[in-house]
């Protein structure tokens, strides 16, 4: 292996290592759904409140935000002075009403309805409640020589009976390297076309939801 190849391999590993550490972070204990519990569940309610962390994961080179946060005069605004890129992204998402909690709820609801394993109903008519939580999410510059800031997300889902018994619990992490997670764009594209930022987060959430719901069959 020549020097350039070694450098490329080392650089790529340095970008992948944080993902390995994130996957290895402690996650809620898995609770498989038993046959007995499964047979007793016909109707479920999907909780609309999806908790999310106040901070996001961000790893990439320092970016120029310019007027993305404050409009035409953004380059001259000082309100964002001292903010990290992660904090600026949160502010940008708030400005454009891009909420990961709402995106996750929407994706899980659509996929659950499509599977037709359970009937989605009101909470007072349900046999169990499906709760969701965004444990972490953010963006990573996947390739050291690229420009894309790809989304990643880790979610936990629980199925809880009316007596508060957790009868099923699983977590899933979809990294920016996942082949199905393919809507990531550069920060510049996100800034100019916020719809593509929403689409990238929706695709990452869609992949995560699919993996989680596959364990609920």
N, C-alpha and C. Protein backbone atom coordinates (compact mmCIF):
# COMPACT_ATOMS: atom_id res chain seq x y z
N UNK A 1 0.86 -1.20 0.00
CA UNK A 1 0.00 0.00 0.00
C UNK A 1 0.89 1.24 0.00
N UNK A 2 0.69 2.17 -0.99
CA UNK A 2 1.52 3.36 -1.06
C UNK A 2 1.08 4.40 -0.04
N UNK A 3 1.82 5.49 0.05
CA UNK A 3 1.56 6.50 1.07
C UNK A 3 0.19 7.15 0.89
N UNK A 4 -0.19 7.43 -0.37
CA UNK A 4 -1.48 8.06 -0.63
C UNK A 4 -2.62 7.14 -0.21
N UNK A 5 -2.49 5.85 -0.53
CA UNK A 5 -3.53 4.89 -0.16
C UNK A 5 -3.64 4.77 1.34
N UNK A 6 -2.48 4.76 2.02
CA UNK A 6 -2.51 4.67 3.48
C UNK A 6 -3.18 5.89 4.08
N UNK A 7 -2.88 7.06 3.53
CA UNK A 7 -3.49 8.29 4.05
C UNK A 7 -5.00 8.27 3.84
N UNK A 8 -5.44 7.84 2.64
CA UNK A 8 -6.87 7.78 2.34
C UNK A 8 -7.58 6.82 3.28
N UNK A 9 -6.95 5.66 3.52
CA UNK A 9 -7.56 4.65 4.39
C UNK A 9 -7.65 5.17 5.82
N UNK A 10 -6.57 5.84 6.27
CA UNK A 10 -6.56 6.38 7.63
C UNK A 10 -7.60 7.47 7.79
N UNK A 11 -7.71 8.35 6.77
CA UNK A 11 -8.67 9.44 6.83
C UNK A 11 -10.10 8.91 6.85
N UNK A 12 -10.36 7.92 5.99
CA UNK A 12 -11.70 7.34 5.96
C UNK A 12 -12.04 6.69 7.29
N UNK A 13 -11.05 6.03 7.90
CA UNK A 13 -11.28 5.39 9.19
C UNK A 13 -11.58 6.42 10.26
N UNK A 14 -10.90 7.56 10.19
CA UNK A 14 -11.11 8.61 11.19
C UNK A 14 -12.52 9.16 11.12
N UNK A 15 -13.12 9.12 9.93
CA UNK A 15 -14.50 9.57 9.78
C UNK A 15 -15.48 8.48 10.18
N UNK A 16 -15.09 7.23 10.00
CA UNK A 16 -15.99 6.12 10.34
C UNK A 16 -15.97 5.80 11.82
N UNK A 17 -14.86 6.07 12.51
CA UNK A 17 -14.71 5.71 13.91
C UNK A 17 -15.79 6.28 14.80
N UNK A 18 -16.15 7.57 14.66
CA UNK A 18 -17.23 8.09 15.51
C UNK A 18 -18.53 7.32 15.34
N UNK A 19 -18.80 6.82 14.12
CA UNK A 19 -20.01 6.04 13.89
C UNK A 19 -19.96 4.73 14.65
N UNK A 20 -18.78 4.11 14.68
CA UNK A 20 -18.61 2.87 15.41
C UNK A 20 -18.86 3.10 16.90
N UNK A 21 -18.37 4.22 17.41
CA UNK A 21 -18.56 4.55 18.82
C UNK A 21 -20.03 4.83 19.12
N UNK A 22 -20.72 5.50 18.17
CA UNK A 22 -22.13 5.80 18.37
C UNK A 22 -22.97 4.53 18.41
N UNK A 23 -22.65 3.59 17.52
CA UNK A 23 -23.38 2.33 17.51
C UNK A 23 -23.17 1.59 18.81
N UNK A 24 -21.95 1.73 19.35
CA UNK A 24 -21.63 1.02 20.59
C UNK A 24 -22.16 1.67 21.84
N UNK A 25 -22.70 2.87 21.71
CA UNK A 25 -23.24 3.54 22.90
C UNK A 25 -24.39 2.73 23.48
N UNK A 26 -24.58 2.89 24.77
CA UNK A 26 -25.62 2.11 25.45
C UNK A 26 -27.00 2.45 24.89
N UNK A 27 -27.79 1.43 24.64
CA UNK A 27 -29.15 1.59 24.16
C UNK A 27 -30.09 0.84 25.08
N UNK A 28 -31.37 1.20 25.08
CA UNK A 28 -32.32 0.50 25.95
C UNK A 28 -32.32 -1.01 25.67
N UNK A 29 -32.59 -1.77 26.71
CA UNK A 29 -32.58 -3.23 26.59
C UNK A 29 -33.68 -3.70 25.65
N UNK A 30 -33.34 -4.70 24.82
CA UNK A 30 -34.31 -5.27 23.90
C UNK A 30 -35.33 -6.12 24.65
N UNK A 31 -36.61 -5.94 24.30
CA UNK A 31 -37.68 -6.74 24.89
C UNK A 31 -38.45 -7.37 23.73
N UNK A 32 -38.21 -8.63 23.42
CA UNK A 32 -38.92 -9.29 22.31
C UNK A 32 -40.41 -9.43 22.60
N UNK A 33 -41.19 -9.40 21.54
CA UNK A 33 -42.63 -9.58 21.68
C UNK A 33 -42.95 -11.07 21.72
N UNK A 34 -43.54 -11.52 22.80
CA UNK A 34 -43.87 -12.94 22.93
C UNK A 34 -45.10 -13.29 22.10
N UNK A 35 -45.27 -14.55 21.81
CA UNK A 35 -46.43 -15.01 21.05
C UNK A 35 -47.71 -14.67 21.79
N UNK A 36 -47.71 -14.85 23.10
CA UNK A 36 -48.88 -14.58 23.91
C UNK A 36 -49.28 -13.10 23.84
N UNK A 37 -48.28 -12.21 23.98
CA UNK A 37 -48.57 -10.78 23.91
C UNK A 37 -48.99 -10.36 22.51
N UNK A 38 -48.35 -10.95 21.52
CA UNK A 38 -48.67 -10.62 20.14
C UNK A 38 -50.12 -10.97 19.80
N UNK A 39 -50.56 -12.11 20.26
CA UNK A 39 -51.93 -12.56 19.95
C UNK A 39 -52.99 -11.72 20.66
N UNK A 40 -52.59 -11.01 21.70
CA UNK A 40 -53.56 -10.20 22.45
C UNK A 40 -53.66 -8.78 21.93
N UNK A 41 -52.80 -8.42 20.96
CA UNK A 41 -52.78 -7.06 20.43
C UNK A 41 -53.41 -7.02 19.04
N UNK A 42 -54.50 -6.31 18.91
CA UNK A 42 -55.16 -6.12 17.63
C UNK A 42 -55.16 -4.65 17.21
N UNK A 43 -55.43 -3.79 18.18
CA UNK A 43 -55.51 -2.35 17.92
C UNK A 43 -54.41 -1.62 18.69
N UNK A 44 -53.73 -0.70 18.01
CA UNK A 44 -52.69 0.07 18.70
C UNK A 44 -52.90 1.57 18.46
N UNK A 45 -52.43 2.31 19.42
CA UNK A 45 -52.42 3.77 19.30
C UNK A 45 -50.96 4.20 19.18
N UNK A 46 -50.66 5.08 18.24
CA UNK A 46 -49.29 5.58 18.06
C UNK A 46 -49.20 6.95 18.73
N UNK A 47 -48.38 7.02 19.75
CA UNK A 47 -48.21 8.26 20.52
C UNK A 47 -47.61 9.34 19.63
N UNK A 48 -48.27 10.49 19.59
CA UNK A 48 -47.81 11.60 18.73
C UNK A 48 -46.59 12.32 19.30
N UNK A 49 -46.45 12.30 20.61
CA UNK A 49 -45.32 12.98 21.24
C UNK A 49 -44.07 12.11 21.09
N UNK A 50 -43.11 12.58 20.32
CA UNK A 50 -41.86 11.85 20.07
C UNK A 50 -40.70 12.66 20.64
N UNK A 51 -40.18 12.28 21.81
CA UNK A 51 -39.06 13.03 22.40
C UNK A 51 -37.83 13.01 21.49
N UNK A 52 -37.08 14.09 21.55
CA UNK A 52 -35.84 14.20 20.77
C UNK A 52 -34.81 14.94 21.59
N UNK A 53 -33.54 14.75 21.33
CA UNK A 53 -32.50 15.47 22.08
C UNK A 53 -32.47 16.95 21.69
N UNK A 54 -32.03 17.78 22.59
CA UNK A 54 -31.97 19.22 22.30
C UNK A 54 -30.78 19.55 21.42
N UNK A 55 -29.77 18.68 21.41
CA UNK A 55 -28.57 18.89 20.60
C UNK A 55 -28.49 17.81 19.53
N UNK A 56 -27.84 18.12 18.42
CA UNK A 56 -27.66 17.14 17.36
C UNK A 56 -26.19 16.79 17.22
N UNK A 57 -25.95 15.62 16.65
CA UNK A 57 -24.58 15.22 16.34
C UNK A 57 -24.16 15.92 15.04
N UNK A 58 -22.94 16.44 15.02
CA UNK A 58 -22.46 17.11 13.82
C UNK A 58 -20.97 16.88 13.69
N UNK A 59 -20.56 16.39 12.54
CA UNK A 59 -19.13 16.20 12.31
C UNK A 59 -18.82 16.54 10.86
N UNK A 60 -18.06 17.59 10.69
CA UNK A 60 -17.69 18.03 9.35
C UNK A 60 -16.84 19.27 9.46
N UNK A 61 -16.36 19.73 8.33
CA UNK A 61 -15.57 20.94 8.35
C UNK A 61 -16.46 22.14 8.67
N UNK A 62 -15.86 23.19 9.19
CA UNK A 62 -16.62 24.40 9.50
C UNK A 62 -17.23 24.95 8.21
N UNK A 63 -18.50 25.26 8.27
CA UNK A 63 -19.23 25.68 7.07
C UNK A 63 -19.59 27.16 7.14
N UNK A 64 -19.84 27.73 5.95
CA UNK A 64 -20.30 29.12 5.87
C UNK A 64 -21.81 29.11 5.78
N UNK A 65 -22.46 29.82 6.70
CA UNK A 65 -23.92 29.86 6.70
C UNK A 65 -24.46 31.13 6.05
N UNK A 66 -23.70 32.21 6.11
CA UNK A 66 -24.12 33.44 5.46
C UNK A 66 -25.53 33.85 5.83
N UNK A 67 -26.36 34.09 4.82
CA UNK A 67 -27.72 34.54 5.05
C UNK A 67 -28.72 33.43 5.27
N UNK A 68 -28.25 32.20 5.40
CA UNK A 68 -29.17 31.07 5.53
C UNK A 68 -30.06 31.17 6.76
N UNK A 69 -29.54 31.77 7.82
CA UNK A 69 -30.30 31.83 9.06
C UNK A 69 -31.16 33.08 9.18
N UNK A 70 -30.66 34.17 8.65
CA UNK A 70 -31.34 35.44 8.91
C UNK A 70 -31.77 36.18 7.64
N UNK A 71 -31.83 35.49 6.52
CA UNK A 71 -32.30 36.13 5.29
C UNK A 71 -31.21 36.96 4.62
N UNK A 72 -31.63 37.94 3.89
CA UNK A 72 -30.70 38.74 3.08
C UNK A 72 -29.63 39.42 3.90
N UNK A 73 -29.95 39.77 5.15
CA UNK A 73 -28.98 40.46 5.99
C UNK A 73 -28.21 39.50 6.88
N UNK A 74 -28.35 38.23 6.61
CA UNK A 74 -27.75 37.22 7.48
C UNK A 74 -26.25 37.36 7.61
N UNK A 75 -25.58 37.73 6.53
CA UNK A 75 -24.13 37.83 6.56
C UNK A 75 -23.66 38.91 7.51
N UNK A 76 -24.56 39.85 7.82
CA UNK A 76 -24.17 40.96 8.70
C UNK A 76 -24.72 40.80 10.11
N UNK A 77 -25.48 39.73 10.33
CA UNK A 77 -26.08 39.53 11.65
C UNK A 77 -25.03 39.01 12.61
N UNK A 78 -25.16 39.36 13.85
CA UNK A 78 -24.21 38.91 14.86
C UNK A 78 -24.87 37.96 15.85
N UNK A 79 -26.17 37.71 15.67
CA UNK A 79 -26.90 36.88 16.63
C UNK A 79 -26.36 35.46 16.67
N UNK A 80 -25.75 35.01 15.54
CA UNK A 80 -25.24 33.65 15.49
C UNK A 80 -23.76 33.56 15.83
N UNK A 81 -23.17 34.68 16.22
CA UNK A 81 -21.75 34.67 16.56
C UNK A 81 -21.49 33.74 17.74
N UNK A 82 -20.51 32.89 17.59
CA UNK A 82 -20.16 31.97 18.66
C UNK A 82 -20.95 30.68 18.66
N UNK A 83 -21.96 30.57 17.79
CA UNK A 83 -22.73 29.33 17.70
C UNK A 83 -21.94 28.28 16.93
N UNK A 84 -22.11 27.03 17.33
CA UNK A 84 -21.49 25.93 16.58
C UNK A 84 -22.32 25.65 15.34
N UNK A 85 -21.73 24.89 14.40
CA UNK A 85 -22.48 24.52 13.20
C UNK A 85 -23.70 23.68 13.55
N UNK A 86 -23.57 22.85 14.58
CA UNK A 86 -24.71 22.03 15.02
C UNK A 86 -25.84 22.92 15.50
N UNK A 87 -25.52 23.94 16.27
CA UNK A 87 -26.53 24.87 16.78
C UNK A 87 -27.15 25.68 15.64
N UNK A 88 -26.33 26.03 14.64
CA UNK A 88 -26.85 26.76 13.49
C UNK A 88 -27.81 25.90 12.68
N UNK A 89 -27.50 24.60 12.58
CA UNK A 89 -28.39 23.70 11.85
C UNK A 89 -29.74 23.59 12.58
N UNK A 90 -29.70 23.49 13.90
CA UNK A 90 -30.95 23.43 14.66
C UNK A 90 -31.78 24.70 14.41
N UNK A 91 -31.12 25.84 14.43
CA UNK A 91 -31.81 27.11 14.21
C UNK A 91 -32.39 27.15 12.79
N UNK A 92 -31.63 26.64 11.84
CA UNK A 92 -32.07 26.60 10.44
C UNK A 92 -33.31 25.71 10.30
N UNK A 93 -33.30 24.55 10.96
CA UNK A 93 -34.45 23.65 10.90
C UNK A 93 -35.67 24.27 11.55
N UNK A 94 -35.46 24.97 12.66
CA UNK A 94 -36.58 25.64 13.32
C UNK A 94 -37.18 26.71 12.41
N UNK A 95 -36.31 27.44 11.72
CA UNK A 95 -36.76 28.50 10.82
C UNK A 95 -37.65 27.94 9.71
N UNK A 96 -37.29 26.74 9.23
CA UNK A 96 -38.03 26.14 8.11
C UNK A 96 -39.01 25.06 8.57
N UNK A 97 -39.25 25.04 9.88
CA UNK A 97 -40.24 24.11 10.46
C UNK A 97 -39.98 22.65 10.06
N UNK A 98 -38.72 22.26 10.18
CA UNK A 98 -38.31 20.88 9.94
C UNK A 98 -38.07 20.23 11.29
N UNK A 99 -38.99 19.38 11.71
CA UNK A 99 -38.98 18.79 13.05
C UNK A 99 -38.80 17.28 12.94
N UNK A 100 -37.69 16.76 13.44
CA UNK A 100 -37.42 15.33 13.34
C UNK A 100 -38.48 14.51 14.05
N UNK A 101 -39.05 15.01 15.12
CA UNK A 101 -40.10 14.29 15.84
C UNK A 101 -41.33 14.09 14.97
N UNK A 102 -41.74 15.14 14.28
CA UNK A 102 -42.90 15.05 13.39
C UNK A 102 -42.61 14.13 12.21
N UNK A 103 -41.38 14.19 11.70
CA UNK A 103 -41.00 13.34 10.57
C UNK A 103 -41.04 11.87 10.98
N UNK A 104 -40.48 11.56 12.14
CA UNK A 104 -40.46 10.17 12.63
C UNK A 104 -41.88 9.66 12.84
N UNK A 105 -42.72 10.46 13.48
CA UNK A 105 -44.11 10.04 13.71
C UNK A 105 -44.82 9.76 12.39
N UNK A 106 -44.62 10.62 11.42
CA UNK A 106 -45.26 10.45 10.12
C UNK A 106 -44.80 9.17 9.43
N UNK A 107 -43.49 8.92 9.43
CA UNK A 107 -42.95 7.74 8.75
C UNK A 107 -43.42 6.45 9.42
N UNK A 108 -43.40 6.42 10.74
CA UNK A 108 -43.83 5.21 11.46
C UNK A 108 -45.32 4.97 11.25
N UNK A 109 -46.11 6.02 11.29
CA UNK A 109 -47.56 5.89 11.09
C UNK A 109 -47.88 5.33 9.71
N UNK A 110 -47.21 5.86 8.68
CA UNK A 110 -47.45 5.40 7.32
C UNK A 110 -47.07 3.94 7.14
N UNK A 111 -45.93 3.57 7.68
CA UNK A 111 -45.48 2.19 7.51
C UNK A 111 -46.32 1.21 8.32
N UNK A 112 -46.72 1.62 9.51
CA UNK A 112 -47.57 0.74 10.34
C UNK A 112 -48.91 0.50 9.66
N UNK A 113 -49.48 1.55 9.10
CA UNK A 113 -50.76 1.42 8.40
C UNK A 113 -50.61 0.52 7.17
N UNK A 114 -49.49 0.65 6.46
CA UNK A 114 -49.27 -0.15 5.25
C UNK A 114 -49.08 -1.63 5.56
N UNK A 115 -48.48 -1.93 6.69
CA UNK A 115 -48.24 -3.33 7.06
C UNK A 115 -49.53 -4.07 7.40
N UNK A 116 -50.50 -3.34 7.95
CA UNK A 116 -51.81 -3.89 8.33
C UNK A 116 -51.71 -5.03 9.34
N UNK A 117 -50.63 -5.05 10.09
CA UNK A 117 -50.50 -6.05 11.15
C UNK A 117 -51.43 -5.70 12.31
N UNK A 118 -51.52 -4.39 12.58
CA UNK A 118 -52.39 -3.89 13.65
C UNK A 118 -53.28 -2.79 13.10
N UNK A 119 -54.41 -2.64 13.71
CA UNK A 119 -55.32 -1.55 13.38
C UNK A 119 -54.94 -0.34 14.22
N UNK A 120 -54.71 0.79 13.56
CA UNK A 120 -54.39 2.01 14.29
C UNK A 120 -55.68 2.66 14.74
N UNK A 121 -55.77 2.96 16.02
CA UNK A 121 -57.01 3.48 16.59
C UNK A 121 -56.73 4.54 17.63
N UNK A 122 -57.78 5.02 18.28
CA UNK A 122 -57.63 6.00 19.36
C UNK A 122 -57.09 5.31 20.60
N UNK A 123 -56.53 6.11 21.48
CA UNK A 123 -55.91 5.55 22.67
C UNK A 123 -56.90 4.79 23.54
N UNK A 124 -58.14 5.27 23.61
CA UNK A 124 -59.12 4.63 24.48
C UNK A 124 -59.64 3.30 23.92
N UNK A 125 -59.37 3.01 22.65
CA UNK A 125 -59.80 1.76 22.04
C UNK A 125 -58.64 0.81 21.76
N UNK A 126 -57.46 1.19 22.18
CA UNK A 126 -56.26 0.43 21.83
C UNK A 126 -55.94 -0.67 22.85
N UNK A 127 -55.30 -1.72 22.36
CA UNK A 127 -54.81 -2.79 23.23
C UNK A 127 -53.41 -2.47 23.74
N UNK A 128 -52.73 -1.56 23.03
CA UNK A 128 -51.38 -1.15 23.44
C UNK A 128 -51.03 0.15 22.72
N UNK A 129 -50.07 0.87 23.29
CA UNK A 129 -49.61 2.13 22.70
C UNK A 129 -48.19 1.97 22.19
N UNK A 130 -47.97 2.40 20.96
CA UNK A 130 -46.63 2.38 20.37
C UNK A 130 -46.00 3.75 20.62
N UNK A 131 -44.93 3.78 21.39
CA UNK A 131 -44.23 5.04 21.65
C UNK A 131 -42.91 5.05 20.92
N UNK A 132 -42.49 6.23 20.54
CA UNK A 132 -41.25 6.41 19.77
C UNK A 132 -40.39 7.46 20.45
N UNK A 133 -39.10 7.31 20.31
CA UNK A 133 -38.17 8.32 20.84
C UNK A 133 -36.97 8.41 19.92
N UNK A 134 -36.56 9.62 19.62
CA UNK A 134 -35.32 9.85 18.87
C UNK A 134 -34.20 9.96 19.90
N UNK A 135 -33.37 8.93 19.97
CA UNK A 135 -32.29 8.92 20.96
C UNK A 135 -31.17 9.86 20.56
N UNK A 136 -30.86 9.91 19.28
CA UNK A 136 -29.87 10.84 18.74
C UNK A 136 -30.10 10.99 17.25
N UNK A 137 -29.70 12.13 16.73
CA UNK A 137 -29.71 12.32 15.27
C UNK A 137 -28.74 13.43 14.94
N UNK A 138 -28.38 13.51 13.70
CA UNK A 138 -27.45 14.54 13.29
C UNK A 138 -26.92 14.29 11.90
N UNK A 139 -25.76 14.86 11.63
CA UNK A 139 -25.20 14.80 10.28
C UNK A 139 -23.69 14.54 10.36
N UNK A 140 -23.22 13.81 9.36
CA UNK A 140 -21.80 13.49 9.30
C UNK A 140 -21.31 13.69 7.88
N UNK A 141 -20.13 14.25 7.75
CA UNK A 141 -19.48 14.34 6.44
C UNK A 141 -18.92 12.96 6.15
N UNK A 142 -19.66 12.21 5.35
CA UNK A 142 -19.37 10.79 5.16
C UNK A 142 -18.00 10.53 4.57
N UNK A 143 -17.62 11.31 3.58
CA UNK A 143 -16.32 11.10 2.93
C UNK A 143 -15.43 12.30 3.18
N UNK A 144 -14.17 12.05 3.57
CA UNK A 144 -13.28 13.17 3.91
C UNK A 144 -13.06 14.15 2.77
N UNK A 145 -13.20 13.66 1.52
CA UNK A 145 -12.98 14.54 0.37
C UNK A 145 -14.28 14.93 -0.31
N UNK A 146 -15.39 14.57 0.30
CA UNK A 146 -16.69 14.91 -0.27
C UNK A 146 -17.29 16.13 0.39
N UNK A 147 -18.53 16.45 -0.01
CA UNK A 147 -19.21 17.63 0.54
C UNK A 147 -20.52 17.27 1.22
N UNK A 148 -20.98 16.04 1.03
CA UNK A 148 -22.28 15.67 1.58
C UNK A 148 -22.25 15.56 3.10
N UNK A 149 -23.27 16.14 3.72
CA UNK A 149 -23.50 15.98 5.15
C UNK A 149 -24.71 15.07 5.28
N UNK A 150 -24.46 13.78 5.46
CA UNK A 150 -25.54 12.80 5.47
C UNK A 150 -26.16 12.65 6.86
N UNK A 151 -27.48 12.48 6.91
CA UNK A 151 -28.15 12.32 8.21
C UNK A 151 -27.95 10.95 8.81
N UNK A 152 -28.10 10.87 10.10
CA UNK A 152 -28.09 9.60 10.83
C UNK A 152 -29.11 9.73 11.95
N UNK A 153 -29.58 8.59 12.42
CA UNK A 153 -30.59 8.64 13.47
C UNK A 153 -30.61 7.34 14.26
N UNK A 154 -30.84 7.44 15.55
CA UNK A 154 -31.06 6.26 16.39
C UNK A 154 -32.40 6.44 17.09
N UNK A 155 -33.27 5.43 16.96
CA UNK A 155 -34.61 5.50 17.52
C UNK A 155 -34.88 4.31 18.41
N UNK A 156 -35.76 4.52 19.37
CA UNK A 156 -36.25 3.43 20.22
C UNK A 156 -37.77 3.43 20.14
N UNK A 157 -38.33 2.23 19.99
CA UNK A 157 -39.78 2.08 19.95
C UNK A 157 -40.21 1.11 21.04
N UNK A 158 -41.37 1.39 21.65
CA UNK A 158 -41.90 0.53 22.70
C UNK A 158 -43.38 0.27 22.44
N UNK A 159 -43.82 -0.91 22.79
CA UNK A 159 -45.23 -1.24 22.78
C UNK A 159 -45.64 -1.44 24.23
N UNK A 160 -46.57 -0.60 24.69
CA UNK A 160 -46.92 -0.57 26.11
C UNK A 160 -48.41 -0.85 26.30
N UNK A 161 -48.72 -1.79 27.17
CA UNK A 161 -50.12 -2.11 27.45
C UNK A 161 -50.73 -1.06 28.38
N UNK A 162 -52.04 -1.00 28.48
CA UNK A 162 -52.70 0.00 29.34
C UNK A 162 -52.25 -0.05 30.80
N UNK A 163 -51.75 -1.20 31.26
CA UNK A 163 -51.26 -1.30 32.65
C UNK A 163 -49.81 -0.86 32.77
N UNK A 164 -49.28 -0.22 31.70
CA UNK A 164 -47.91 0.31 31.63
C UNK A 164 -46.83 -0.78 31.50
N UNK A 165 -47.24 -1.99 31.20
CA UNK A 165 -46.26 -3.06 30.97
C UNK A 165 -45.67 -2.92 29.57
N UNK A 166 -44.35 -2.89 29.50
CA UNK A 166 -43.66 -2.84 28.21
C UNK A 166 -43.56 -4.27 27.67
N UNK A 167 -44.28 -4.54 26.59
CA UNK A 167 -44.29 -5.90 26.06
C UNK A 167 -43.37 -6.05 24.84
N UNK A 168 -42.86 -4.92 24.35
CA UNK A 168 -41.91 -4.97 23.23
C UNK A 168 -41.09 -3.69 23.23
N UNK A 169 -39.79 -3.84 22.99
CA UNK A 169 -38.91 -2.66 22.95
C UNK A 169 -37.69 -2.98 22.10
N UNK A 170 -37.42 -2.11 21.14
CA UNK A 170 -36.27 -2.29 20.27
C UNK A 170 -35.68 -0.93 19.90
N UNK A 171 -34.40 -0.92 19.59
CA UNK A 171 -33.73 0.29 19.11
C UNK A 171 -33.04 -0.01 17.79
N UNK A 172 -32.93 1.01 16.96
CA UNK A 172 -32.24 0.87 15.68
C UNK A 172 -31.42 2.12 15.40
N UNK A 173 -30.25 1.90 14.83
CA UNK A 173 -29.38 3.02 14.44
C UNK A 173 -29.11 2.92 12.95
N UNK A 174 -29.42 3.98 12.22
CA UNK A 174 -29.11 4.04 10.80
C UNK A 174 -28.05 5.11 10.61
N UNK A 175 -26.90 4.70 10.16
CA UNK A 175 -25.78 5.62 10.01
C UNK A 175 -25.80 6.30 8.65
N UNK A 176 -24.94 7.25 8.48
CA UNK A 176 -24.82 7.94 7.20
C UNK A 176 -24.22 7.04 6.13
N UNK A 177 -23.67 5.88 6.54
CA UNK A 177 -23.07 4.95 5.58
C UNK A 177 -24.10 3.94 5.05
N UNK A 178 -25.28 3.87 5.63
CA UNK A 178 -26.29 2.90 5.19
C UNK A 178 -26.67 3.17 3.74
N UNK A 179 -26.65 2.13 2.91
CA UNK A 179 -26.89 2.30 1.47
C UNK A 179 -28.28 2.85 1.18
N UNK A 180 -29.28 2.47 2.01
CA UNK A 180 -30.65 2.96 1.77
C UNK A 180 -30.82 4.42 2.17
N UNK A 181 -29.92 4.90 3.00
CA UNK A 181 -29.96 6.28 3.48
C UNK A 181 -29.24 7.15 2.45
N UNK A 182 -29.93 7.43 1.34
CA UNK A 182 -29.24 7.95 0.16
C UNK A 182 -29.68 9.35 -0.29
N UNK A 183 -30.27 10.12 0.61
CA UNK A 183 -30.75 11.45 0.22
C UNK A 183 -29.91 12.59 0.79
N UNK A 184 -28.75 12.27 1.34
CA UNK A 184 -27.89 13.30 1.90
C UNK A 184 -27.37 14.25 0.83
N UNK A 185 -27.24 15.52 1.19
CA UNK A 185 -26.76 16.55 0.28
C UNK A 185 -25.70 17.39 0.98
N UNK A 186 -25.11 18.31 0.25
CA UNK A 186 -24.16 19.24 0.85
C UNK A 186 -24.90 20.26 1.70
N UNK A 187 -24.19 20.87 2.61
CA UNK A 187 -24.82 21.91 3.44
C UNK A 187 -25.34 23.04 2.57
N UNK A 188 -24.60 23.38 1.53
CA UNK A 188 -25.03 24.45 0.63
C UNK A 188 -26.38 24.12 -0.01
N UNK A 189 -26.56 22.85 -0.41
CA UNK A 189 -27.83 22.43 -0.99
C UNK A 189 -28.95 22.52 0.03
N UNK A 190 -28.68 22.07 1.25
CA UNK A 190 -29.68 22.17 2.31
C UNK A 190 -30.10 23.63 2.52
N UNK A 191 -29.13 24.52 2.52
CA UNK A 191 -29.41 25.93 2.76
C UNK A 191 -30.27 26.52 1.65
N UNK A 192 -29.96 26.16 0.41
CA UNK A 192 -30.68 26.72 -0.74
C UNK A 192 -32.01 26.02 -1.00
N UNK A 193 -32.10 24.73 -0.61
CA UNK A 193 -33.31 23.94 -0.86
C UNK A 193 -33.67 23.16 0.41
N UNK A 194 -34.29 23.84 1.38
CA UNK A 194 -34.64 23.18 2.65
C UNK A 194 -35.49 21.92 2.47
N UNK A 195 -36.23 21.84 1.37
CA UNK A 195 -37.04 20.65 1.11
C UNK A 195 -36.17 19.41 0.99
N UNK A 196 -34.94 19.59 0.52
CA UNK A 196 -34.03 18.45 0.39
C UNK A 196 -33.47 18.04 1.75
N UNK A 197 -33.38 18.97 2.66
CA UNK A 197 -32.99 18.64 4.03
C UNK A 197 -34.09 17.81 4.68
N UNK A 198 -35.33 18.23 4.49
CA UNK A 198 -36.47 17.48 5.02
C UNK A 198 -36.51 16.07 4.41
N UNK A 199 -36.25 15.99 3.10
CA UNK A 199 -36.28 14.70 2.40
C UNK A 199 -35.18 13.77 2.92
N UNK A 200 -34.02 14.33 3.21
CA UNK A 200 -32.91 13.52 3.71
C UNK A 200 -33.23 12.95 5.09
N UNK A 201 -33.80 13.77 5.95
CA UNK A 201 -34.18 13.30 7.29
C UNK A 201 -35.34 12.31 7.21
N UNK A 202 -36.25 12.53 6.27
CA UNK A 202 -37.38 11.62 6.10
C UNK A 202 -36.90 10.25 5.64
N UNK A 203 -35.91 10.23 4.73
CA UNK A 203 -35.42 8.94 4.23
C UNK A 203 -34.70 8.18 5.34
N UNK A 204 -33.88 8.87 6.13
CA UNK A 204 -33.19 8.22 7.24
C UNK A 204 -34.21 7.68 8.25
N UNK A 205 -35.25 8.45 8.50
CA UNK A 205 -36.30 8.02 9.43
C UNK A 205 -37.08 6.84 8.86
N UNK A 206 -37.32 6.87 7.57
CA UNK A 206 -38.05 5.80 6.89
C UNK A 206 -37.30 4.47 7.01
N UNK A 207 -36.00 4.52 6.78
CA UNK A 207 -35.17 3.31 6.87
C UNK A 207 -35.17 2.77 8.31
N UNK A 208 -35.05 3.67 9.27
CA UNK A 208 -35.03 3.26 10.68
C UNK A 208 -36.36 2.66 11.08
N UNK A 209 -37.44 3.30 10.67
CA UNK A 209 -38.78 2.80 11.00
C UNK A 209 -39.00 1.42 10.39
N UNK A 210 -38.55 1.22 9.18
CA UNK A 210 -38.71 -0.08 8.52
C UNK A 210 -38.00 -1.18 9.29
N UNK A 211 -36.79 -0.89 9.75
CA UNK A 211 -36.03 -1.87 10.52
C UNK A 211 -36.69 -2.18 11.86
N UNK A 212 -37.21 -1.15 12.50
CA UNK A 212 -37.87 -1.34 13.79
C UNK A 212 -39.15 -2.16 13.65
N UNK A 213 -39.97 -1.78 12.68
CA UNK A 213 -41.26 -2.45 12.53
C UNK A 213 -41.11 -3.89 12.05
N UNK A 214 -39.99 -4.18 11.40
CA UNK A 214 -39.74 -5.56 10.98
C UNK A 214 -39.59 -6.48 12.20
N UNK A 215 -39.19 -5.90 13.33
CA UNK A 215 -39.03 -6.68 14.56
C UNK A 215 -40.33 -6.81 15.32
N UNK A 216 -41.37 -6.15 14.80
CA UNK A 216 -42.67 -6.18 15.48
C UNK A 216 -43.63 -7.13 14.79
N UNK A 217 -43.15 -7.79 13.74
CA UNK A 217 -44.02 -8.71 12.99
C UNK A 217 -44.27 -9.99 13.77
